[in-house]
Amino acid sequence: MAKPQAVVDYKICCPKKCKNGICLAVLECKHKVLKQDEPGEAPYQLGMCQGCATCVTACPYKAIRLI
């Protein structure tokens, strides 16, 4: 069985509302899979998600979920 993967719902994601435009989920991703190029920009996945769900719990807007 495959590990769950984190997916960002870009309809809900609003990093401009996060403190200084920095996505909290990106900061909390201990595997450094989520990236954000510039403050205020939406995060994206770079590499293979480990399915730990740290980013899910870190996002105050519930814009990230595991599938």
C-alpha atoms as a PDB file:
ATOM      1  CA  MET A   1       0.000   0.000   0.000  1.00  0.00           C
ATOM      2  CA  ALA A   2       1.293   3.455  -0.950  1.00  0.00           C
ATOM      3  CA  LYS A   3       2.017   6.098   1.669  1.00  0.00           C
ATOM      4  CA  PRO A   4      -0.433   8.979   1.880  1.00  0.00           C
ATOM      5  CA  GLN A   5       0.657  12.112   0.036  1.00  0.00           C
ATOM      6  CA  ALA A   6       0.103  15.743   1.012  1.00  0.00           C
ATOM      7  CA  VAL A   7      -1.864  17.818  -1.479  1.00  0.00           C
ATOM      8  CA  VAL A   8      -2.325  21.588  -1.405  1.00  0.00           C
ATOM      9  CA  ASP A   9      -5.810  22.871  -2.205  1.00  0.00           C
ATOM     10  CA  TYR A  10      -4.937  26.091  -4.021  1.00  0.00           C
ATOM     11  CA  LYS A  11      -8.529  27.340  -3.777  1.00  0.00           C
ATOM     12  CA  ILE A  12      -8.116  27.521   0.014  1.00  0.00           C
ATOM     13  CA  CYS A  13      -4.376  28.247   0.315  1.00  0.00           C
ATOM     14  CA  CYS A  14      -3.654  31.915   1.010  1.00  0.00           C
ATOM     15  CA  PRO A  15      -0.033  32.376   2.131  1.00  0.00           C
ATOM     16  CA  LYS A  16      -0.413  36.169   1.949  1.00  0.00           C
ATOM     17  CA  LYS A  17      -2.477  35.809   5.145  1.00  0.00           C
ATOM     18  CA  CYS A  18       0.305  33.859   6.869  1.00  0.00           C
ATOM     19  CA  LYS A  19       2.742  35.836   9.000  1.00  0.00           C
ATOM     20  CA  ASN A  20       5.013  37.811   6.660  1.00  0.00           C
ATOM     21  CA  GLY A  21       3.661  35.740   3.744  1.00  0.00           C
ATOM     22  CA  ILE A  22       5.641  32.709   4.882  1.00  0.00           C
ATOM     23  CA  CYS A  23       3.697  29.458   4.632  1.00  0.00           C
ATOM     24  CA  LEU A  24       3.666  27.769   8.034  1.00  0.00           C
ATOM     25  CA  ALA A  25       3.398  24.336   6.432  1.00  0.00           C
ATOM     26  CA  VAL A  26       6.639  24.934   4.527  1.00  0.00           C
ATOM     27  CA  LEU A  27       8.393  25.892   7.761  1.00  0.00           C
ATOM     28  CA  GLU A  28       7.115  22.771   9.533  1.00  0.00           C
ATOM     29  CA  CYS A  29       7.901  20.261   6.761  1.00  0.00           C
ATOM     30  CA  LYS A  30      10.765  18.375   8.396  1.00  0.00           C
ATOM     31  CA  HIS A  31      11.563  16.521   5.166  1.00  0.00           C
ATOM     32  CA  LYS A  32      11.812  19.822   3.236  1.00  0.00           C
ATOM     33  CA  VAL A  33       9.430  18.569   0.547  1.00  0.00           C
ATOM     34  CA  LEU A  34       7.209  21.656   0.541  1.00  0.00           C
ATOM     35  CA  LYS A  35       8.851  24.744  -0.933  1.00  0.00           C
ATOM     36  CA  GLN A  36       7.899  28.372  -1.331  1.00  0.00           C
ATOM     37  CA  ASP A  37       9.916  30.543  -3.725  1.00  0.00           C
ATOM     38  CA  GLU A  38       8.890  33.926  -2.340  1.00  0.00           C
ATOM     39  CA  PRO A  39       6.820  35.130   0.622  1.00  0.00           C
ATOM     40  CA  GLY A  40       3.158  35.373  -0.343  1.00  0.00           C
ATOM     41  CA  GLU A  41       3.442  32.709  -3.056  1.00  0.00           C
ATOM     42  CA  ALA A  42       1.688  29.374  -2.740  1.00  0.00           C
ATOM     43  CA  PRO A  43       3.797  26.395  -1.649  1.00  0.00           C
ATOM     44  CA  TYR A  44       4.504  23.492  -3.962  1.00  0.00           C
ATOM     45  CA  GLN A  45       5.794  19.994  -3.503  1.00  0.00           C
ATOM     46  CA  LEU A  46       9.361  19.269  -4.501  1.00  0.00           C
ATOM     47  CA  GLY A  47      10.293  15.658  -4.044  1.00  0.00           C
ATOM     48  CA  MET A  48       8.505  12.735  -2.480  1.00  0.00           C
ATOM     49  CA  CYS A  49       6.143  13.401   0.411  1.00  0.00           C
ATOM     50  CA  GLN A  50       6.810  11.136   3.410  1.00  0.00           C
ATOM     51  CA  GLY A  51       3.184  11.256   4.589  1.00  0.00           C
ATOM     52  CA  CYS A  52       4.030  12.491   8.087  1.00  0.00           C
ATOM     53  CA  ALA A  53       1.167  15.070   8.050  1.00  0.00           C
ATOM     54  CA  THR A  54       3.189  17.758   9.827  1.00  0.00           C
ATOM     55  CA  CYS A  55       2.252  20.231   7.101  1.00  0.00           C
ATOM     56  CA  VAL A  56      -1.426  19.309   7.438  1.00  0.00           C
ATOM     57  CA  THR A  57      -1.515  20.250  11.099  1.00  0.00           C
ATOM     58  CA  ALA A  58       0.623  23.378  10.552  1.00  0.00           C
ATOM     59  CA  CYS A  59      -1.649  24.986   7.945  1.00  0.00           C
ATOM     60  CA  PRO A  60      -4.085  27.332   9.730  1.00  0.00           C
ATOM     61  CA  TYR A  61      -6.408  27.378   6.693  1.00  0.00           C
ATOM     62  CA  LYS A  62      -6.652  23.585   6.335  1.00  0.00           C
ATOM     63  CA  ALA A  63      -5.483  23.912   2.746  1.00  0.00           C
ATOM     64  CA  ILE A  64      -3.343  20.768   2.904  1.00  0.00           C
ATOM     65  CA  ARG A  65      -4.638  17.250   3.275  1.00  0.00           C
ATOM     66  CA  LEU A  66      -3.344  13.720   2.887  1.00  0.00           C
ATOM     67  CA  ILE A  67      -4.724  11.510   0.145  1.00  0.00           C
END
